[in-house]
Amino acid sequence: VVSFPFEDIYIDRRHVLHTLPKREQKIVFYFALLTASLGIGGIRAIVCPLSAYNLEDCGPKELLSFFNWFYWLVNLNSAVVFVSISYIQQSVARNLGFLIPFVSGIMAIITIHMMRGEMIYKPKAESSLLTTFGVIGSALRTRCVRHRYLSAGVTNWLDHAKENHGGQYSEIQVESTKSLTRLFPLFTFQILYRTCVMQIPSGYYLQTMNSNLHFSGFVFPIAAMNVISIVPLLILVPVLECINSSCLFSSKDTGHSPTIYIVVGHLSAALSVMVAGFSEIHRKHFPQVEQTLSEEVLLVSSMPCFHLAPQYILLGVAEALVTPSCALLSFRLVPERIRGISMHFLALFNGAGCFMGAFFVQTAHAGTQGNWFPHLLHEGKLERFFFFLASLMMVNTLGFWTIAHRYNKLHEDYTSEFRGSLSGEKLLKHGKAVKHYDSVLESSPIFSPMK
């Protein structure tokens, strides 16, 4: 829908197909932007967990391998899009840059409709999001009513929602919710990291737009700079597969959690933003030249845009390390019944990081009267904003490092329906003892009576 109000859709050079004024064009554009965001949110929250449900019986090594290659394929697709569509939209016709994804979306809808029978997953009962919020609400309500008896046999505030503590939810439902709330610190520390990643379409985009895009007579598309951040991920995934096989999951007793990947990725993101600050200082030392971009003549730095490559590469390294590891922890460290909900919360907190990035930009622009995030980069101090964000990211990394040990128990079995229930644990232990006793009886004839 957005493509048709543009001026480059016409019957001939003198007869433009549309007659919408600029105000209506903006309304159409922002409406389409809202619907696109709703669609993207739905796809990201559903497709990856849906694919991972086939690996519920696999260990952490296989799950991390799945998430690595899943995001590898997603980023390979993104690289093709940023190279092709961005060039068409910037240098050929803006309307085609919207029509191509439109046709692709229609084909995807047809394909999903044809394969819908193979894509249906029915989660176990009592695993809805309403149940999760209900447990939290019931625990808070019961805790407020019975505040005088908080320490009476209750080790966690969510235990107030259990039926044997005056709540209305079963022990399995409460224990599942408790395992989900343990992941909230992990999700929270991803907000600032996602804010750094969102500098690519905001701060990094402005830097690239105000740099020299000409390369051997070819105008380099701004959006194609994203490919520089995608290439490290495409290269690192096969390398990480070898590392995972030889080191990370070499032993079940001494295996380490992928939290080390998240810590290193956060450091890489902080370093990327810091390098962006130095690049901004470096960019201002070049003389200004005129550059035509989208039929507008702009005064930009003569520094080639490829000088900004290091900051893109560092963010690509961070994405290769952080995103699959967070997906693994969100999927592995909760019971089977709420794994989809856990992945949805991860996507929700990632979205919160995008809003946090927009809030930082607006606050920096308003608080410094346009000095830290200026309209004209050569007249402001954008590097100060980058250095401030890098310092916050370093503190965020140290904070996550202090709690990373909470997410090291990847080899525990979180899929049991009786996890957290004393009676259930006794039944499981009894079942294992019976199996062990039976195996001893079956193998006893090989021993002599004395033995």
Protein backbone atom coordinates (compact mmCIF):
# COMPACT_ATOMS: atom_id res chain seq x y z
CA VAL A 1 0.00 0.00 0.00
CA VAL A 2 2.83 2.39 0.85
CA SER A 3 4.44 2.07 -2.57
CA PHE A 4 1.60 3.66 -4.54
CA PRO A 5 1.63 7.21 -3.09
CA PHE A 6 5.21 7.73 -4.30
CA GLU A 7 5.80 9.93 -7.30
CA ASP A 8 7.74 7.31 -9.26
CA ILE A 9 4.56 5.31 -9.97
CA TYR A 10 3.16 6.90 -13.10
CA ILE A 11 1.47 6.12 -16.37
CA ASP A 12 4.10 8.16 -18.19
CA ARG A 13 6.54 10.90 -17.31
CA ARG A 14 3.84 13.54 -17.27
CA HIS A 15 1.00 11.63 -15.61
CA VAL A 16 1.67 10.49 -12.05
CA LEU A 17 -0.64 7.69 -11.00
CA HIS A 18 -1.51 9.07 -7.56
CA THR A 19 -2.96 12.39 -6.46
CA LEU A 20 -2.43 12.14 -2.71
CA PRO A 21 -0.95 15.24 -1.02
CA LYS A 22 2.04 14.91 1.30
CA ARG A 23 -0.02 14.81 4.50
CA GLU A 24 -2.08 11.82 3.35
CA GLN A 25 1.09 10.11 2.15
CA LYS A 26 2.55 10.38 5.66
CA ILE A 27 -0.65 8.97 7.18
CA VAL A 28 -0.49 5.99 4.83
CA PHE A 29 3.20 5.50 5.59
CA TYR A 30 2.86 5.53 9.39
CA PHE A 31 -0.20 3.28 9.26
CA ALA A 32 1.78 0.79 7.16
CA LEU A 33 4.72 1.09 9.57
CA LEU A 34 2.41 0.16 12.47
CA THR A 35 0.97 -2.87 10.69
CA ALA A 36 4.46 -4.00 9.66
CA SER A 37 5.64 -3.82 13.28
CA LEU A 38 2.67 -5.92 14.41
CA GLY A 39 3.43 -8.50 11.74
CA ILE A 40 7.14 -8.65 12.57
CA GLY A 41 6.38 -9.02 16.28
CA GLY A 42 4.03 -11.92 15.62
CA ILE A 43 6.48 -13.71 13.34
CA ARG A 44 9.44 -13.37 15.70
CA ALA A 45 7.42 -14.56 18.68
CA ILE A 46 6.04 -17.65 16.96
CA VAL A 47 8.26 -19.02 14.20
CA CYS A 48 11.44 -19.73 16.19
CA PRO A 49 9.74 -21.49 19.16
CA LEU A 50 7.58 -23.42 16.70
CA SER A 51 10.69 -24.75 14.97
CA ALA A 52 12.44 -25.56 18.24
CA TYR A 53 9.56 -27.66 19.59
CA ASN A 54 10.84 -30.55 17.48
CA LEU A 55 14.02 -30.56 19.59
CA GLU A 56 12.45 -30.80 23.04
CA ASP A 57 14.21 -34.08 23.78
CA CYS A 58 17.63 -32.82 22.67
CA GLY A 59 20.38 -31.57 24.91
CA PRO A 60 21.80 -28.04 25.16
CA LYS A 61 24.46 -28.73 22.54
CA GLU A 62 21.90 -29.65 19.88
CA LEU A 63 19.65 -26.74 20.88
CA LEU A 64 22.47 -24.21 20.63
CA SER A 65 23.39 -25.64 17.25
CA PHE A 66 19.78 -25.23 16.12
CA PHE A 67 19.55 -21.61 17.25
CA ASN A 68 22.94 -20.82 15.70
CA TRP A 69 21.91 -22.09 12.28
CA PHE A 70 18.39 -20.67 12.59
CA TYR A 71 19.71 -17.14 13.06
CA TRP A 72 22.39 -17.82 10.44
CA LEU A 73 19.68 -18.46 7.86
CA VAL A 74 17.70 -15.41 9.02
CA ASN A 75 20.75 -13.18 8.61
CA LEU A 76 21.66 -14.71 5.26
CA ASN A 77 18.21 -13.69 4.07
CA SER A 78 18.72 -10.21 5.53
CA ALA A 79 22.04 -9.83 3.71
CA VAL A 80 20.36 -10.54 0.38
CA VAL A 81 17.60 -8.06 1.20
CA PHE A 82 19.93 -5.24 2.26
CA VAL A 83 22.11 -5.63 -0.84
CA SER A 84 19.36 -5.95 -3.44
CA ILE A 85 16.27 -4.13 -2.22
CA SER A 86 18.16 -1.22 -0.67
CA TYR A 87 19.98 -0.60 -3.95
CA ILE A 88 16.72 -0.77 -5.94
CA GLN A 89 14.96 1.57 -3.54
CA GLN A 90 17.76 4.14 -3.40
CA SER A 91 19.00 4.08 -7.00
CA VAL A 92 16.17 2.73 -9.19
CA ALA A 93 12.68 3.37 -7.82
CA ARG A 94 11.40 3.75 -4.26
CA ASN A 95 8.12 2.02 -5.03
CA LEU A 96 9.88 -1.21 -6.08
CA GLY A 97 11.57 -1.32 -2.70
CA PHE A 98 8.11 -1.79 -1.17
CA LEU A 99 6.51 -3.86 -3.92
CA ILE A 100 9.12 -6.63 -3.73
CA PRO A 101 8.51 -7.37 -0.01
CA PHE A 102 4.77 -7.13 -0.72
CA VAL A 103 4.98 -9.89 -3.33
CA SER A 104 7.22 -11.93 -1.03
CA GLY A 105 4.71 -11.54 1.79
CA ILE A 106 1.87 -12.77 -0.42
CA MET A 107 3.92 -15.82 -1.43
CA ALA A 108 4.73 -16.51 2.23
CA ILE A 109 1.05 -16.36 3.17
CA ILE A 110 0.19 -18.84 0.40
CA THR A 111 3.01 -21.17 1.47
CA ILE A 112 2.01 -21.07 5.15
CA HIS A 113 -1.61 -21.73 4.21
CA MET A 114 -0.56 -24.79 2.18
CA MET A 115 1.67 -26.12 4.99
CA ARG A 116 -0.52 -25.16 7.94
CA GLY A 117 -1.20 -28.82 8.78
CA GLU A 118 2.52 -29.35 9.45
CA MET A 119 2.91 -26.17 11.51
CA ILE A 120 0.32 -26.73 14.23
CA TYR A 121 1.68 -27.26 17.73
CA LYS A 122 -0.75 -27.82 20.58
CA PRO A 123 0.91 -26.99 23.90
CA LYS A 124 0.06 -28.87 27.03
CA ALA A 125 -2.90 -27.75 29.09
CA GLU A 126 -2.61 -24.98 31.67
CA SER A 127 0.34 -23.36 29.89
CA SER A 128 -1.28 -20.14 28.73
CA LEU A 129 0.02 -16.67 29.31
CA LEU A 130 -3.11 -15.89 31.35
CA THR A 131 -2.18 -18.70 33.74
CA THR A 132 1.29 -17.23 34.20
CA PHE A 133 -0.07 -13.77 34.97
CA GLY A 134 -2.74 -15.37 37.14
CA VAL A 135 -0.13 -17.07 39.29
CA ILE A 136 1.74 -13.79 39.76
CA GLY A 137 -1.46 -11.90 40.57
CA SER A 138 -2.67 -14.55 42.99
CA ALA A 139 0.68 -14.59 44.80
CA LEU A 140 0.67 -10.81 45.19
CA ARG A 141 -2.92 -10.77 46.36
CA THR A 142 -2.43 -13.57 48.89
CA ARG A 143 0.80 -12.00 50.11
CA CYS A 144 -0.93 -8.68 50.76
CA VAL A 145 -3.83 -10.32 52.60
CA ARG A 146 -1.61 -12.55 54.72
CA HIS A 147 1.36 -10.23 55.18
CA ARG A 148 1.70 -11.18 58.83
CA TYR A 149 2.48 -14.79 57.97
CA LEU A 150 5.07 -14.34 55.22
CA SER A 151 7.69 -16.59 56.75
CA ALA A 152 5.34 -19.46 57.58
CA GLY A 153 6.77 -22.20 55.37
CA VAL A 154 7.11 -20.00 52.28
CA THR A 155 10.52 -19.81 50.63
CA ASN A 156 9.47 -17.81 47.56
CA TRP A 157 6.82 -15.11 47.24
CA LEU A 158 5.18 -17.02 44.35
CA ASP A 159 4.49 -19.91 46.72
CA HIS A 160 1.56 -17.87 48.05
CA ALA A 161 -0.31 -18.79 44.84
CA LYS A 162 -0.17 -22.51 45.66
CA GLU A 163 -3.33 -24.20 46.85
CA ASN A 164 -1.70 -25.42 50.05
CA HIS A 165 -0.75 -21.81 50.90
CA GLY A 166 -4.12 -20.23 50.30
CA GLY A 167 -3.80 -19.69 46.55
CA GLN A 168 -5.76 -21.21 43.68
CA TYR A 169 -3.07 -22.71 41.46
CA SER A 170 -1.45 -26.13 41.48
CA GLU A 171 2.14 -26.69 42.47
CA ILE A 172 3.13 -27.50 38.88
CA GLN A 173 1.74 -24.20 37.59
CA VAL A 174 3.49 -22.20 40.31
CA GLU A 175 6.83 -23.96 39.88
CA SER A 176 6.67 -23.34 36.12
CA THR A 177 6.05 -19.65 36.72
CA LYS A 178 8.94 -19.52 39.22
CA SER A 179 11.32 -20.94 36.63
CA LEU A 180 10.15 -18.23 34.20
CA THR A 181 10.65 -15.39 36.70
CA ARG A 182 14.21 -16.57 37.28
CA LEU A 183 14.91 -15.59 33.68
CA PHE A 184 13.69 -12.01 34.13
CA PRO A 185 17.15 -10.73 35.19
CA LEU A 186 18.58 -12.27 32.01
CA PHE A 187 15.88 -10.57 29.94
CA THR A 188 16.39 -7.24 31.71
CA PHE A 189 20.11 -7.13 30.96
CA GLN A 190 19.32 -7.60 27.26
CA ILE A 191 17.43 -4.29 27.10
CA LEU A 192 20.52 -2.08 27.06
CA TYR A 193 22.29 -4.50 24.73
CA ARG A 194 19.41 -4.25 22.26
CA THR A 195 19.64 -0.45 22.59
CA CYS A 196 23.23 -0.68 21.31
CA VAL A 197 22.15 -2.90 18.42
CA MET A 198 19.46 -0.38 17.52
CA GLN A 199 22.19 2.19 16.85
CA ILE A 200 22.57 0.63 13.39
CA PRO A 201 19.28 2.12 12.09
CA SER A 202 19.69 5.31 14.14
CA GLY A 203 23.11 6.69 15.13
CA TYR A 204 25.17 4.55 12.75
CA TYR A 205 22.71 5.33 9.95
CA LEU A 206 23.22 9.07 10.47
CA GLN A 207 26.98 8.63 10.45
CA THR A 208 26.83 6.69 7.18
CA MET A 209 24.42 9.17 5.59
CA ASN A 210 26.84 12.00 6.43
CA SER A 211 29.85 10.17 4.99
CA ASN A 212 31.03 9.76 1.41
CA LEU A 213 28.93 7.01 -0.22
CA HIS A 214 30.63 7.15 -3.63
CA PHE A 215 32.76 4.16 -4.48
CA SER A 216 34.33 3.99 -7.97
CA GLY A 217 31.43 5.92 -9.47
CA PHE A 218 28.85 3.79 -7.64
CA VAL A 219 26.62 5.22 -4.89
CA PHE A 220 26.73 2.73 -2.03
CA PRO A 221 23.27 2.18 -0.44
CA ILE A 222 23.18 3.25 3.20
CA ALA A 223 21.15 0.23 4.28
CA ALA A 224 23.70 -2.06 2.65
CA MET A 225 26.11 -1.16 5.46
CA ASN A 226 24.05 -3.59 7.53
CA VAL A 227 25.65 -6.36 5.50
CA ILE A 228 28.99 -5.51 7.11
CA SER A 229 27.44 -6.36 10.48
CA ILE A 230 25.91 -9.56 9.10
CA VAL A 231 29.08 -10.98 7.54
CA PRO A 232 30.78 -11.69 10.92
CA LEU A 233 27.73 -13.68 12.01
CA LEU A 234 27.76 -15.73 8.80
CA ILE A 235 31.45 -16.50 9.35
CA LEU A 236 31.33 -17.11 13.12
CA VAL A 237 28.50 -19.64 13.23
CA PRO A 238 30.56 -22.52 11.71
CA VAL A 239 33.48 -21.58 13.99
CA LEU A 240 31.23 -21.56 17.06
CA GLU A 241 29.91 -24.98 16.10
CA CYS A 242 33.44 -26.37 16.36
CA ILE A 243 34.04 -24.60 19.67
CA ASN A 244 30.76 -25.93 21.09
CA SER A 245 31.65 -29.49 20.13
CA SER A 246 35.18 -29.41 21.51
CA CYS A 247 35.02 -27.10 24.53
CA LEU A 248 31.67 -25.75 25.66
CA PHE A 249 29.79 -29.06 25.91
CA SER A 250 32.74 -31.42 26.13
CA SER A 251 31.65 -32.92 29.47
CA LYS A 252 28.32 -33.18 31.15
CA ASP A 253 29.86 -32.70 34.57
CA THR A 254 32.15 -29.81 33.75
CA GLY A 255 30.31 -28.22 30.84
CA HIS A 256 30.01 -24.44 30.88
CA SER A 257 26.97 -22.38 30.12
CA PRO A 258 26.79 -20.16 27.00
CA THR A 259 26.58 -17.20 29.40
CA ILE A 260 30.27 -16.68 28.58
CA TYR A 261 29.16 -15.97 25.01
CA ILE A 262 26.68 -13.38 26.26
CA VAL A 263 29.31 -11.63 28.39
CA VAL A 264 31.77 -11.48 25.48
CA GLY A 265 28.99 -10.32 23.16
CA HIS A 266 28.02 -7.52 25.53
CA LEU A 267 31.65 -6.42 25.69
CA SER A 268 31.79 -6.43 21.89
CA ALA A 269 28.65 -4.26 21.74
CA ALA A 270 30.11 -1.78 24.24
CA LEU A 271 33.35 -1.66 22.24
CA SER A 272 31.35 -1.10 19.03
CA VAL A 273 29.60 1.96 20.44
CA MET A 274 32.92 3.28 21.77
CA VAL A 275 34.54 2.83 18.35
CA ALA A 276 31.57 4.68 16.84
CA GLY A 277 32.43 7.65 19.05
CA PHE A 278 36.03 7.69 17.86
CA SER A 279 34.86 7.26 14.26
CA GLU A 280 32.65 10.34 14.67
CA ILE A 281 35.65 12.38 15.83
CA HIS A 282 37.68 10.99 12.92
CA ARG A 283 34.88 11.78 10.43
CA LYS A 284 34.84 15.48 11.35
CA HIS A 285 38.50 15.89 10.39
CA PHE A 286 37.66 15.37 6.71
CA PRO A 287 36.55 18.34 4.55
CA GLN A 288 32.89 18.56 3.56
CA VAL A 289 31.62 17.81 0.06
CA GLU A 290 28.24 17.90 -1.64
CA GLN A 291 26.42 14.60 -2.09
CA THR A 292 23.06 13.94 -3.72
CA LEU A 293 20.91 11.51 -1.79
CA SER A 294 17.25 10.84 -2.64
CA GLU A 295 17.20 13.90 -4.90
CA GLU A 296 18.49 16.12 -2.08
CA VAL A 297 21.91 17.79 -2.01
CA LEU A 298 23.60 17.38 1.38
CA LEU A 299 26.88 18.61 2.81
CA VAL A 300 28.67 15.49 4.09
CA SER A 301 32.13 14.49 5.21
CA SER A 302 34.48 13.31 2.48
CA MET A 303 35.48 10.35 4.66
CA PRO A 304 34.59 7.07 2.88
CA CYS A 305 31.74 5.26 4.61
CA PHE A 306 33.86 2.10 4.82
CA HIS A 307 35.85 3.74 7.62
CA LEU A 308 32.79 2.97 9.77
CA ALA A 309 33.11 -0.77 9.13
CA PRO A 310 34.78 -1.69 12.47
CA GLN A 311 31.80 -0.60 14.56
CA TYR A 312 29.44 -2.62 12.34
CA ILE A 313 31.71 -5.67 12.53
CA LEU A 314 31.85 -5.55 16.33
CA LEU A 315 28.05 -5.44 16.56
CA GLY A 316 27.87 -8.38 14.16
CA VAL A 317 30.19 -10.36 16.42
CA ALA A 318 28.01 -9.45 19.39
CA GLU A 319 24.87 -10.65 17.62
CA ALA A 320 26.52 -13.95 16.67
CA LEU A 321 27.35 -14.58 20.34
CA VAL A 322 24.37 -13.15 22.22
CA THR A 323 21.19 -13.90 20.24
CA PRO A 324 21.50 -17.73 19.91
CA SER A 325 22.73 -18.06 23.51
CA CYS A 326 19.81 -16.05 24.92
CA ALA A 327 17.39 -18.12 22.87
CA LEU A 328 18.96 -21.32 24.21
CA LEU A 329 18.72 -20.20 27.85
CA SER A 330 15.12 -19.00 27.38
CA PHE A 331 14.14 -22.33 25.87
CA ARG A 332 16.19 -24.72 27.99
CA LEU A 333 15.85 -23.34 31.53
CA VAL A 334 12.06 -23.57 31.76
CA PRO A 335 9.70 -26.55 31.77
CA GLU A 336 8.34 -27.79 28.48
CA ARG A 337 4.87 -26.36 29.09
CA ILE A 338 5.95 -22.69 29.12
CA ARG A 339 8.83 -22.64 26.64
CA GLY A 340 6.81 -20.72 24.09
CA ILE A 341 5.86 -18.11 26.71
CA SER A 342 9.53 -17.77 27.70
CA MET A 343 10.52 -17.07 24.09
CA HIS A 344 7.73 -14.50 23.85
CA PHE A 345 9.06 -12.69 26.92
CA LEU A 346 12.53 -12.63 25.35
CA ALA A 347 11.08 -10.98 22.24
CA LEU A 348 9.14 -8.56 24.45
CA PHE A 349 12.25 -7.43 26.33
CA ASN A 350 14.14 -7.08 23.04
CA GLY A 351 11.38 -4.78 21.87
CA ALA A 352 11.71 -2.84 25.11
CA GLY A 353 15.35 -2.28 24.18
CA CYS A 354 14.24 -0.61 20.95
CA PHE A 355 11.97 1.75 22.89
CA MET A 356 14.81 2.40 25.33
CA GLY A 357 17.03 3.37 22.41
CA ALA A 358 14.42 5.81 21.12
CA PHE A 359 14.04 7.23 24.63
CA PHE A 360 17.80 7.74 24.95
CA VAL A 361 17.95 9.52 21.59
CA GLN A 362 15.05 11.83 22.45
CA THR A 363 16.40 12.54 25.92
CA ALA A 364 19.89 13.25 24.60
CA HIS A 365 18.50 15.55 21.92
CA ALA A 366 16.24 17.45 24.30
CA GLY A 367 18.56 17.51 27.32
CA THR A 368 21.54 18.85 25.37
CA GLN A 369 19.44 21.10 23.11
CA GLY A 370 20.44 19.11 20.06
CA ASN A 371 24.16 19.03 20.85
CA TRP A 372 24.55 15.28 21.56
CA PHE A 373 22.16 14.14 18.82
CA PRO A 374 22.14 17.02 16.33
CA HIS A 375 20.24 17.45 13.09
CA LEU A 376 23.53 18.35 11.36
CA LEU A 377 26.26 16.05 12.62
CA HIS A 378 29.19 18.36 11.90
CA GLU A 379 27.61 20.95 14.22
CA GLY A 380 27.09 18.66 17.21
CA LYS A 381 28.80 16.18 19.52
CA LEU A 382 27.29 12.81 18.60
CA GLU A 383 30.45 11.11 19.88
CA ARG A 384 29.50 12.08 23.44
CA PHE A 385 26.25 10.20 23.10
CA PHE A 386 28.16 7.12 21.92
CA PHE A 387 30.65 7.32 24.78
CA PHE A 388 27.81 7.70 27.29
CA LEU A 389 26.01 4.65 25.86
CA ALA A 390 29.26 2.65 25.85
CA SER A 391 29.83 3.40 29.55
CA LEU A 392 26.28 2.28 30.37
CA MET A 393 26.83 -0.90 28.38
CA MET A 394 30.03 -1.66 30.31
CA VAL A 395 28.13 -1.34 33.60
CA ASN A 396 25.39 -3.54 32.15
CA THR A 397 27.98 -6.18 31.20
CA LEU A 398 29.48 -6.21 34.69
CA GLY A 399 26.00 -6.52 36.18
CA PHE A 400 25.16 -9.53 34.03
CA TRP A 401 28.53 -11.13 34.76
CA THR A 402 27.73 -11.08 38.48
CA ILE A 403 24.52 -13.10 37.99
CA ALA A 404 25.64 -15.30 35.08
CA HIS A 405 26.23 -18.26 37.43
CA ARG A 406 22.45 -18.57 37.90
CA TYR A 407 22.09 -19.86 34.34
CA ASN A 408 24.84 -22.49 34.27
CA LYS A 409 22.72 -25.56 35.03
CA LEU A 410 21.82 -26.45 31.46
CA HIS A 411 22.03 -30.19 32.03
CA GLU A 412 19.24 -30.29 34.62
CA ASP A 413 15.96 -31.82 33.53
CA TYR A 414 13.35 -29.05 33.42
CA THR A 415 10.83 -31.03 31.38
CA SER A 416 9.44 -33.15 34.20
CA GLU A 417 5.87 -32.45 35.11
CA PHE A 418 6.75 -32.99 38.78
CA ARG A 419 9.67 -30.58 38.96
CA GLY A 420 9.51 -28.61 42.19
CA SER A 421 7.02 -30.98 43.81
CA LEU A 422 8.39 -33.01 46.69
CA SER A 423 5.96 -35.83 46.11
CA GLY A 424 6.80 -35.80 42.41
CA GLU A 425 10.51 -35.92 43.11
CA LYS A 426 9.99 -38.86 45.45
CA LEU A 427 8.02 -40.67 42.76
CA LEU A 428 10.76 -40.01 40.21
CA LYS A 429 13.45 -41.25 42.59
CA HIS A 430 11.31 -44.30 43.43
CA GLY A 431 10.87 -45.05 39.72
CA LYS A 432 14.61 -44.79 39.10
CA ALA A 433 15.28 -47.06 42.09
CA VAL A 434 12.83 -49.67 40.79
CA LYS A 435 14.46 -49.59 37.35
CA HIS A 436 17.89 -49.95 38.94
CA TYR A 437 16.69 -52.83 41.15
CA ASP A 438 15.15 -54.58 38.15
CA SER A 439 18.38 -54.21 36.18
CA VAL A 440 20.33 -55.73 39.09
CA LEU A 441 17.92 -58.66 39.28
CA GLU A 442 18.14 -59.20 35.55
CA SER A 443 21.94 -59.23 35.61
CA SER A 444 22.33 -61.20 38.87
CA PRO A 445 22.69 -64.70 37.29
CA ILE A 446 26.17 -63.84 36.02
CA PHE A 447 27.40 -63.52 39.59
CA SER A 448 28.17 -66.40 41.91
CA PRO A 449 26.02 -66.81 45.10
CA MET A 450 28.96 -65.63 47.24
CA LYS A 451 29.35 -62.42 45.16
